């Protein structure tokens, strides 16, 4: 059971790092760092704090939502 999930995580990382990056670049869709730079402008101390806060909230929502998805199945 654990090996099935570990293979899923490995494939997800490979797809996220290599395939998705190339696909988004090819489709001219901005990545997350480019999107934050477009919204907040040039990086400075205040923008970094805002970007870290936004990223932390986003990661919290993703982690909080994953167990709910597993329970519904």
N, C-alpha and C. Protein backbone atom coordinates (compact mmCIF):
# COMPACT_ATOMS: atom_id res chain seq x y z
N UNK A 1 0.82 -1.19 0.00
CA UNK A 1 0.00 0.00 0.00
C UNK A 1 0.86 1.26 0.00
N UNK A 2 1.90 1.27 0.81
CA UNK A 2 2.76 2.45 0.89
C UNK A 2 3.56 2.64 -0.39
N UNK A 3 3.96 1.57 -1.04
CA UNK A 3 4.74 1.70 -2.27
C UNK A 3 3.91 2.34 -3.38
N UNK A 4 2.62 2.05 -3.40
CA UNK A 4 1.74 2.64 -4.39
C UNK A 4 1.72 4.16 -4.24
N UNK A 5 1.59 4.64 -3.02
CA UNK A 5 1.58 6.07 -2.78
C UNK A 5 2.94 6.71 -3.01
N UNK A 6 4.01 6.02 -2.66
CA UNK A 6 5.33 6.59 -2.88
C UNK A 6 5.63 6.75 -4.36
N UNK A 7 5.20 5.80 -5.18
CA UNK A 7 5.38 5.95 -6.63
C UNK A 7 4.55 7.11 -7.16
N UNK A 8 3.35 7.27 -6.62
CA UNK A 8 2.50 8.40 -7.01
C UNK A 8 3.18 9.73 -6.70
N UNK A 9 3.77 9.84 -5.52
CA UNK A 9 4.46 11.07 -5.13
C UNK A 9 5.69 11.34 -6.00
N UNK A 10 6.44 10.30 -6.32
CA UNK A 10 7.62 10.46 -7.17
C UNK A 10 7.22 10.92 -8.56
N UNK A 11 6.19 10.30 -9.14
CA UNK A 11 5.72 10.71 -10.46
C UNK A 11 5.15 12.13 -10.44
N UNK A 12 4.50 12.49 -9.37
CA UNK A 12 3.96 13.85 -9.25
C UNK A 12 5.07 14.88 -9.22
N UNK A 13 6.14 14.60 -8.50
CA UNK A 13 7.27 15.52 -8.43
C UNK A 13 7.94 15.65 -9.80
N UNK A 14 8.14 14.54 -10.48
CA UNK A 14 8.77 14.57 -11.81
C UNK A 14 7.90 15.36 -12.79
N UNK A 15 6.60 15.11 -12.78
CA UNK A 15 5.70 15.84 -13.67
C UNK A 15 5.70 17.32 -13.33
N UNK A 16 5.64 17.65 -12.04
CA UNK A 16 5.61 19.04 -11.63
C UNK A 16 6.88 19.80 -11.96
N UNK A 17 8.02 19.15 -11.83
CA UNK A 17 9.28 19.85 -12.06
C UNK A 17 9.63 19.98 -13.54
N UNK A 18 9.38 18.95 -14.31
CA UNK A 18 9.87 18.94 -15.68
C UNK A 18 8.78 19.14 -16.72
N UNK A 19 7.76 18.34 -16.70
CA UNK A 19 6.76 18.38 -17.75
C UNK A 19 5.86 19.60 -17.62
N UNK A 20 5.36 19.87 -16.42
CA UNK A 20 4.45 20.99 -16.21
C UNK A 20 5.13 22.32 -16.48
N UNK A 21 6.39 22.45 -16.09
CA UNK A 21 7.14 23.69 -16.32
C UNK A 21 7.25 23.97 -17.81
N UNK A 22 7.63 22.98 -18.58
CA UNK A 22 7.74 23.16 -20.02
C UNK A 22 6.41 23.42 -20.69
N UNK A 23 5.37 22.75 -20.22
CA UNK A 23 4.04 22.94 -20.81
C UNK A 23 3.51 24.34 -20.53
N UNK A 24 3.66 24.81 -19.30
CA UNK A 24 3.19 26.16 -18.98
C UNK A 24 3.98 27.23 -19.73
N UNK A 25 5.27 27.02 -19.90
CA UNK A 25 6.08 27.96 -20.67
C UNK A 25 5.64 27.97 -22.13
N UNK A 26 5.39 26.79 -22.67
CA UNK A 26 4.96 26.67 -24.06
C UNK A 26 3.60 27.32 -24.29
N UNK A 27 2.69 27.20 -23.32
CA UNK A 27 1.37 27.80 -23.42
C UNK A 27 1.36 29.28 -23.02
N UNK A 28 2.51 29.78 -22.59
CA UNK A 28 2.68 31.18 -22.19
C UNK A 28 1.83 31.52 -20.96
N UNK A 29 1.71 30.57 -20.04
CA UNK A 29 1.01 30.78 -18.77
C UNK A 29 2.07 31.04 -17.70
N UNK A 30 1.93 32.10 -16.91
CA UNK A 30 2.98 32.42 -15.94
C UNK A 30 3.03 31.40 -14.79
N UNK A 31 4.24 31.13 -14.32
CA UNK A 31 4.43 30.29 -13.15
C UNK A 31 4.09 31.11 -11.90
N UNK A 32 4.10 30.47 -10.74
CA UNK A 32 3.69 31.13 -9.50
C UNK A 32 4.60 32.30 -9.16
N UNK A 33 5.91 32.14 -9.31
CA UNK A 33 6.82 33.24 -9.00
C UNK A 33 6.65 34.41 -9.96
N UNK A 34 6.41 34.12 -11.22
CA UNK A 34 6.18 35.19 -12.19
C UNK A 34 4.86 35.90 -11.91
N UNK A 35 3.86 35.14 -11.49
CA UNK A 35 2.56 35.73 -11.16
C UNK A 35 2.68 36.67 -9.96
N UNK A 36 3.42 36.25 -8.93
CA UNK A 36 3.62 37.12 -7.78
C UNK A 36 4.38 38.39 -8.16
N UNK A 37 5.35 38.26 -9.05
CA UNK A 37 6.10 39.44 -9.48
C UNK A 37 5.21 40.38 -10.29
N UNK A 38 4.30 39.83 -11.10
CA UNK A 38 3.38 40.69 -11.84
C UNK A 38 2.43 41.42 -10.91
N UNK A 39 1.96 40.74 -9.86
CA UNK A 39 1.00 41.35 -8.94
C UNK A 39 1.68 42.35 -8.01
N UNK A 40 2.82 41.97 -7.44
CA UNK A 40 3.46 42.79 -6.40
C UNK A 40 4.55 43.71 -6.92
N UNK A 41 5.02 43.52 -8.13
CA UNK A 41 6.07 44.37 -8.67
C UNK A 41 7.45 43.85 -8.31
N UNK A 42 8.43 44.74 -8.36
CA UNK A 42 9.82 44.37 -8.06
C UNK A 42 9.95 43.84 -6.63
N UNK A 43 10.75 42.81 -6.44
CA UNK A 43 10.90 42.26 -5.08
C UNK A 43 11.60 43.23 -4.14
N UNK A 44 11.00 43.46 -2.99
CA UNK A 44 11.63 44.18 -1.88
C UNK A 44 11.16 43.53 -0.59
N UNK A 45 11.53 44.10 0.54
CA UNK A 45 11.25 43.44 1.82
C UNK A 45 9.75 43.27 2.07
N UNK A 46 8.97 44.30 1.83
CA UNK A 46 7.52 44.21 2.07
C UNK A 46 6.87 43.21 1.12
N UNK A 47 7.26 43.23 -0.14
CA UNK A 47 6.69 42.30 -1.10
C UNK A 47 7.04 40.85 -0.76
N UNK A 48 8.25 40.63 -0.23
CA UNK A 48 8.64 39.28 0.16
C UNK A 48 7.78 38.78 1.32
N UNK A 49 7.49 39.64 2.28
CA UNK A 49 6.64 39.27 3.42
C UNK A 49 5.24 38.94 2.92
N UNK A 50 4.71 39.77 2.03
CA UNK A 50 3.37 39.52 1.48
C UNK A 50 3.35 38.21 0.69
N UNK A 51 4.38 37.97 -0.12
CA UNK A 51 4.44 36.74 -0.91
C UNK A 51 4.55 35.50 -0.02
N UNK A 52 5.33 35.59 1.05
CA UNK A 52 5.45 34.45 1.98
C UNK A 52 4.12 34.20 2.68
N UNK A 53 3.43 35.27 3.05
CA UNK A 53 2.12 35.11 3.71
C UNK A 53 1.11 34.47 2.76
N UNK A 54 1.04 34.96 1.54
CA UNK A 54 0.12 34.38 0.55
C UNK A 54 0.45 32.92 0.30
N UNK A 55 1.73 32.61 0.15
CA UNK A 55 2.15 31.22 -0.08
C UNK A 55 1.82 30.33 1.11
N UNK A 56 2.04 30.84 2.32
CA UNK A 56 1.72 30.06 3.52
C UNK A 56 0.25 29.75 3.63
N UNK A 57 -0.60 30.75 3.36
CA UNK A 57 -2.04 30.52 3.40
C UNK A 57 -2.46 29.53 2.33
N UNK A 58 -1.91 29.65 1.14
CA UNK A 58 -2.23 28.73 0.05
C UNK A 58 -1.83 27.29 0.39
N UNK A 59 -0.64 27.11 0.94
CA UNK A 59 -0.17 25.78 1.34
C UNK A 59 -1.04 25.23 2.47
N UNK A 60 -1.43 26.07 3.42
CA UNK A 60 -2.30 25.65 4.51
C UNK A 60 -3.65 25.16 3.98
N UNK A 61 -4.23 25.90 3.03
CA UNK A 61 -5.51 25.49 2.45
C UNK A 61 -5.40 24.17 1.70
N UNK A 62 -4.28 23.98 0.99
CA UNK A 62 -4.08 22.72 0.26
C UNK A 62 -3.95 21.56 1.22
N UNK A 63 -3.14 21.73 2.27
CA UNK A 63 -2.93 20.65 3.24
C UNK A 63 -4.23 20.38 4.00
N UNK A 64 -4.96 21.40 4.33
CA UNK A 64 -6.21 21.24 5.06
C UNK A 64 -7.27 20.54 4.19
N UNK A 65 -7.24 20.76 2.89
CA UNK A 65 -8.24 20.20 2.00
C UNK A 65 -7.98 18.77 1.57
N UNK A 66 -6.74 18.32 1.61
CA UNK A 66 -6.40 16.97 1.16
C UNK A 66 -7.07 15.89 2.01
N UNK A 67 -7.05 15.95 3.35
CA UNK A 67 -7.76 14.91 4.12
C UNK A 67 -9.26 14.88 3.84
N UNK A 68 -9.88 16.01 3.54
CA UNK A 68 -11.30 16.03 3.22
C UNK A 68 -11.56 15.29 1.91
N UNK A 69 -10.65 15.41 0.96
CA UNK A 69 -10.80 14.70 -0.30
C UNK A 69 -10.66 13.19 -0.09
N UNK A 70 -9.74 12.79 0.77
CA UNK A 70 -9.54 11.37 1.03
C UNK A 70 -10.74 10.77 1.76
N UNK A 71 -11.37 11.51 2.67
CA UNK A 71 -12.53 11.02 3.42
C UNK A 71 -13.75 10.86 2.52
N UNK A 72 -13.88 11.70 1.51
CA UNK A 72 -15.08 11.63 0.67
C UNK A 72 -15.06 10.41 -0.23
N UNK A 73 -13.91 9.82 -0.48
CA UNK A 73 -13.82 8.64 -1.36
C UNK A 73 -14.19 7.44 -0.61
